[in-house]
C-alpha cells in the first residue's frame, strides 16, 4: 500500500518538475528525498513515510514555481485527495511542506522532527557544488546578473524584497547560502553541511580571484 502511494507520488511530482530549468527539477526533488531518508535513518527517528512524502512534494506549492500564490497549495491538496492517506497524515504532510522555504530569513516555525529532516535535506541541496550550480541556474532563469559588485548585500528583507528585489547570483551566497549551515537542526545534516560549506567558500575565493583581472 505505502509503496503504491510513493510510486503514484513520484509519477505526479516527476510530471510537475520534469521540464524545470531553475534548479527545482525532478533530480533536486529526488536528492532531497534521499538526503531526508538518510538523515532519519542515521538518527533512527521520525516517520519514514511522512518524511518521504513531504520531501517528494515539498516544491509543489512553492510560490517561485507557480503563477499565483494559492495555485500550488490547491495543487498539493488536490493530489493528496487522490491517494489513500488519512486526514492526519495529509495535514502532517501539508504542515511540513508549508514550513520548508527560507523566504529571505522569514522562516516558519517547525512543529516536528520530520519537518526538521525535510527542511535540512532541502537546505543541504542548496549548498555545496550542487547548490552553486542551482544558484546560477535559478539566477539565469530570473534574469539576474551573475555578479554585480555595485549592488549591496541585502539584510533583514521582507519576503517581497527577497523574491523581487535586485540582486545577483553571487550576492545570493551572502543573502542565503552561507547562512544555511548554522540554521540546520539535525546533527547528521550539520555534519554533511561542513564539506559543502567549505566548498562554497573556496569557490567564492576563486571567483573573486578570476573576477579581478589586472
Protein backbone atom coordinates (compact mmCIF):
# COMPACT_ATOMS: atom_id res chain seq x y z
CA UNK A 1 0.00 0.00 0.00
CA UNK A 2 2.61 2.57 1.04
CA UNK A 3 4.84 1.56 -1.87
CA UNK A 4 1.97 2.21 -4.27
CA UNK A 5 1.34 5.64 -2.75
CA UNK A 6 5.01 6.56 -3.06
CA UNK A 7 5.06 5.38 -6.68
CA UNK A 8 1.98 7.45 -7.54
CA UNK A 9 3.51 10.47 -5.83
CA UNK A 10 6.76 10.03 -7.77
CA UNK A 11 4.82 10.00 -11.05
CA UNK A 12 2.89 13.14 -10.12
CA UNK A 13 5.98 15.04 -8.97
CA UNK A 14 8.07 13.95 -11.95
CA UNK A 15 5.41 15.26 -14.34
CA UNK A 16 5.27 18.58 -12.48
CA UNK A 17 9.04 19.13 -12.41
CA UNK A 18 10.48 17.31 -15.44
CA UNK A 19 10.81 20.45 -17.58
CA UNK A 20 12.11 22.76 -14.87
CA UNK A 21 15.36 24.60 -15.63
CA UNK A 22 15.58 26.69 -12.46
CA UNK A 23 17.25 24.09 -10.26
CA UNK A 24 13.94 22.77 -8.93
CA UNK A 25 13.74 19.81 -11.29
CA UNK A 26 12.97 16.16 -10.55
CA UNK A 27 16.59 15.43 -9.73
CA UNK A 28 16.53 18.09 -6.98
CA UNK A 29 13.39 16.53 -5.53
CA UNK A 30 14.90 13.06 -5.62
CA UNK A 31 18.12 14.22 -3.93
CA UNK A 32 16.13 15.91 -1.16
CA UNK A 33 14.11 12.73 -0.68
CA UNK A 34 17.27 10.61 -0.43
CA UNK A 35 19.01 13.06 1.90
CA UNK A 36 15.96 13.26 4.18
CA UNK A 37 15.70 9.49 4.44
CA UNK A 38 19.45 9.23 5.01
CA UNK A 39 19.26 11.68 7.92
CA UNK A 40 16.28 9.95 9.52
CA UNK A 41 17.85 6.52 9.14
CA UNK A 42 21.15 7.70 10.63
CA UNK A 43 19.36 9.17 13.63
CA UNK A 44 16.75 6.37 13.99
CA UNK A 45 13.95 8.89 14.30
CA UNK A 46 10.84 10.03 12.52
CA UNK A 47 8.08 8.57 10.36
CA UNK A 48 9.85 7.48 7.17
CA UNK A 49 6.65 7.52 5.09
CA UNK A 50 5.74 11.08 6.10
CA UNK A 51 9.32 12.23 5.53
CA UNK A 52 9.48 10.70 2.05
CA UNK A 53 6.09 12.07 1.02
CA UNK A 54 6.84 15.58 2.28
CA UNK A 55 10.26 15.55 0.60
CA UNK A 56 8.73 14.48 -2.72
CA UNK A 57 6.01 17.14 -2.54
CA UNK A 58 7.95 19.97 -0.94
CA UNK A 59 8.23 22.18 -4.05
CA UNK A 60 4.71 21.66 -5.42
CA UNK A 61 3.24 24.75 -3.68
CA UNK A 62 6.41 26.86 -3.85
CA UNK A 63 5.38 30.37 -4.93
CA UNK A 64 8.53 30.62 -7.09
CA UNK A 65 7.18 27.83 -9.27
CA UNK A 66 3.53 28.84 -9.50
CA UNK A 67 1.96 31.83 -11.20
CA UNK A 68 -0.30 32.58 -8.23
CA UNK A 69 0.35 32.13 -4.51
CA UNK A 70 -2.51 29.76 -3.80
CA UNK A 71 -2.27 27.80 -7.06
CA UNK A 72 0.41 25.47 -5.75
CA UNK A 73 -1.36 24.93 -2.43
CA UNK A 74 -4.51 23.87 -4.24
CA UNK A 75 -2.46 21.59 -6.50
CA UNK A 76 -0.93 19.90 -3.44
CA UNK A 77 -4.30 19.46 -1.73
CA UNK A 78 -5.94 18.08 -4.87
CA UNK A 79 -3.22 15.48 -5.25
CA UNK A 80 -3.37 14.40 -1.61
CA UNK A 81 -7.13 13.91 -2.05
CA UNK A 82 -6.42 11.30 -4.75
CA UNK A 83 -4.30 8.98 -2.58
CA UNK A 84 -5.17 6.79 0.35
CA UNK A 85 -3.74 8.67 3.31
CA UNK A 86 -5.55 9.57 6.49
CA UNK A 87 -6.65 13.12 7.24
CA UNK A 88 -3.99 13.21 9.96
CA UNK A 89 -1.26 12.15 7.52
CA UNK A 90 -2.49 14.66 4.94
CA UNK A 91 -2.36 17.54 7.42
CA UNK A 92 1.06 16.39 8.64
CA UNK A 93 2.48 16.43 5.09
CA UNK A 94 0.94 19.82 4.29
CA UNK A 95 2.29 21.32 7.52
CA UNK A 96 5.83 20.15 6.70
CA UNK A 97 5.69 21.39 3.12
CA UNK A 98 4.49 24.83 4.25
CA UNK A 99 7.47 25.23 6.59
CA UNK A 100 10.29 24.35 4.16
CA UNK A 101 11.09 27.64 2.43
CA UNK A 102 13.80 30.07 3.58
CA UNK A 103 11.79 33.13 2.48
CA UNK A 104 14.63 35.57 2.97
CA UNK A 105 15.02 34.52 6.59
CA UNK A 106 11.29 34.87 7.32
CA UNK A 107 11.07 31.22 8.24
CA UNK A 108 8.10 29.35 9.64
CA UNK A 109 8.42 27.59 12.98
CA UNK A 110 8.84 23.82 12.81
CA UNK A 111 6.45 21.53 14.66
CA UNK A 112 8.05 18.10 14.27
CA UNK A 113 11.26 16.17 13.80
CA UNK A 114 10.01 15.17 10.35
CA UNK A 115 9.81 18.84 9.35
CA UNK A 116 13.36 19.40 10.59
CA UNK A 117 14.62 16.49 8.49
CA UNK A 118 12.95 17.62 5.27
CA UNK A 119 13.98 21.26 5.72
CA UNK A 120 17.56 20.20 6.46
CA UNK A 121 17.64 17.96 3.38
CA UNK A 122 16.36 20.75 1.15
CA UNK A 123 18.99 23.12 2.53
CA UNK A 124 21.79 20.63 2.05
CA UNK A 125 20.87 20.55 -1.64
CA UNK A 126 21.10 24.35 -1.70
CA UNK A 127 24.78 24.37 -0.71
CA UNK A 128 27.99 22.78 -1.96
CA UNK A 129 28.71 22.13 -5.64
CA UNK A 130 25.09 21.31 -6.41
CA UNK A 131 23.96 24.41 -4.59
CA UNK A 132 26.34 26.58 -6.62
CA UNK A 133 25.06 25.11 -9.88
CA UNK A 134 21.44 25.58 -8.81
CA UNK A 135 22.09 29.18 -7.76
CA UNK A 136 23.35 30.18 -11.20
CA UNK A 137 20.61 28.19 -12.94
CA UNK A 138 17.94 29.99 -10.92
CA UNK A 139 19.60 33.38 -11.30
CA UNK A 140 19.78 32.96 -15.06
CA UNK A 141 16.17 31.86 -15.18
CA UNK A 142 15.13 35.02 -13.32
CA UNK A 143 17.32 37.26 -15.47
CA UNK A 144 19.66 38.19 -12.61
CA UNK A 145 23.27 39.17 -13.20
CA UNK A 146 25.91 36.58 -12.40
CA UNK A 147 27.57 39.26 -10.28
CA UNK A 148 27.13 42.99 -9.90
CA UNK A 149 29.65 44.41 -7.41
CA UNK A 150 27.81 47.74 -7.26
CA UNK A 151 24.84 46.13 -5.50
CA UNK A 152 24.75 45.91 -1.70
CA UNK A 153 24.24 42.62 0.13
CA UNK A 154 20.66 42.75 1.40
CA UNK A 155 19.79 42.06 5.05
CA UNK A 156 16.57 41.95 7.07
CA UNK A 157 14.43 41.57 3.98
CA UNK A 158 10.69 41.14 3.73
CA UNK A 159 9.53 38.18 1.65
CA UNK A 160 8.64 40.52 -1.21
CA UNK A 161 12.07 42.16 -1.10
CA UNK A 162 13.75 38.76 -1.05
CA UNK A 163 11.75 37.49 -4.02
CA UNK A 164 11.66 40.62 -6.16
CA UNK A 165 14.50 42.94 -5.10
CA UNK A 166 17.57 43.50 -7.27
CA UNK A 167 20.41 41.09 -6.55
CA UNK A 168 22.92 38.79 -8.28
CA UNK A 169 23.79 35.12 -8.05
CA UNK A 170 26.97 35.88 -6.09
CA UNK A 171 25.01 38.07 -3.67
CA UNK A 172 22.71 35.09 -3.06
CA UNK A 173 25.58 33.31 -1.32
CA UNK A 174 25.66 36.02 1.36
CA UNK A 175 21.92 36.55 1.49
CA UNK A 176 21.13 32.86 1.96
CA UNK A 177 23.57 30.04 1.17
CA UNK A 178 26.35 30.85 3.63
CA UNK A 179 23.77 31.19 6.41
CA UNK A 180 22.24 27.74 5.98
CA UNK A 181 24.88 25.67 7.78
CA UNK A 182 24.08 27.41 11.06
CA UNK A 183 20.32 27.05 10.57
CA UNK A 184 20.26 23.25 10.32
CA UNK A 185 18.50 21.25 13.02
CA UNK A 186 19.74 17.66 12.86
CA UNK A 187 23.23 16.55 13.83
CA UNK A 188 23.56 14.43 10.69
CA UNK A 189 22.74 17.37 8.43
CA UNK A 190 25.21 19.59 10.29
CA UNK A 191 27.96 17.04 9.66
CA UNK A 192 27.07 16.74 5.97
CA UNK A 193 26.99 20.53 5.63
CA UNK A 194 30.59 21.14 6.71
CA UNK A 195 32.27 20.00 3.49
CA UNK A 196 29.64 21.67 1.32
CA UNK A 197 30.00 24.96 3.16
CA UNK A 198 33.78 24.89 2.84
CA UNK A 199 33.48 24.20 -0.88
CA UNK A 200 31.32 27.31 -1.33
CA UNK A 201 33.88 29.44 0.49
CA UNK A 202 36.63 28.06 -1.75
CA UNK A 203 34.52 28.75 -4.82
CA UNK A 204 33.97 32.37 -3.82
CA UNK A 205 37.69 32.88 -3.23
CA UNK A 206 38.48 31.55 -6.69
CA UNK A 207 35.62 33.51 -8.26
CA UNK A 208 36.90 36.84 -6.92
CA UNK A 209 40.45 35.93 -7.94
CA UNK A 210 39.32 35.39 -11.52
CA UNK A 211 36.91 38.35 -11.50
CA UNK A 212 39.57 40.89 -10.52
CA UNK A 213 41.70 40.66 -13.63
CA UNK A 214 44.62 43.12 -13.53
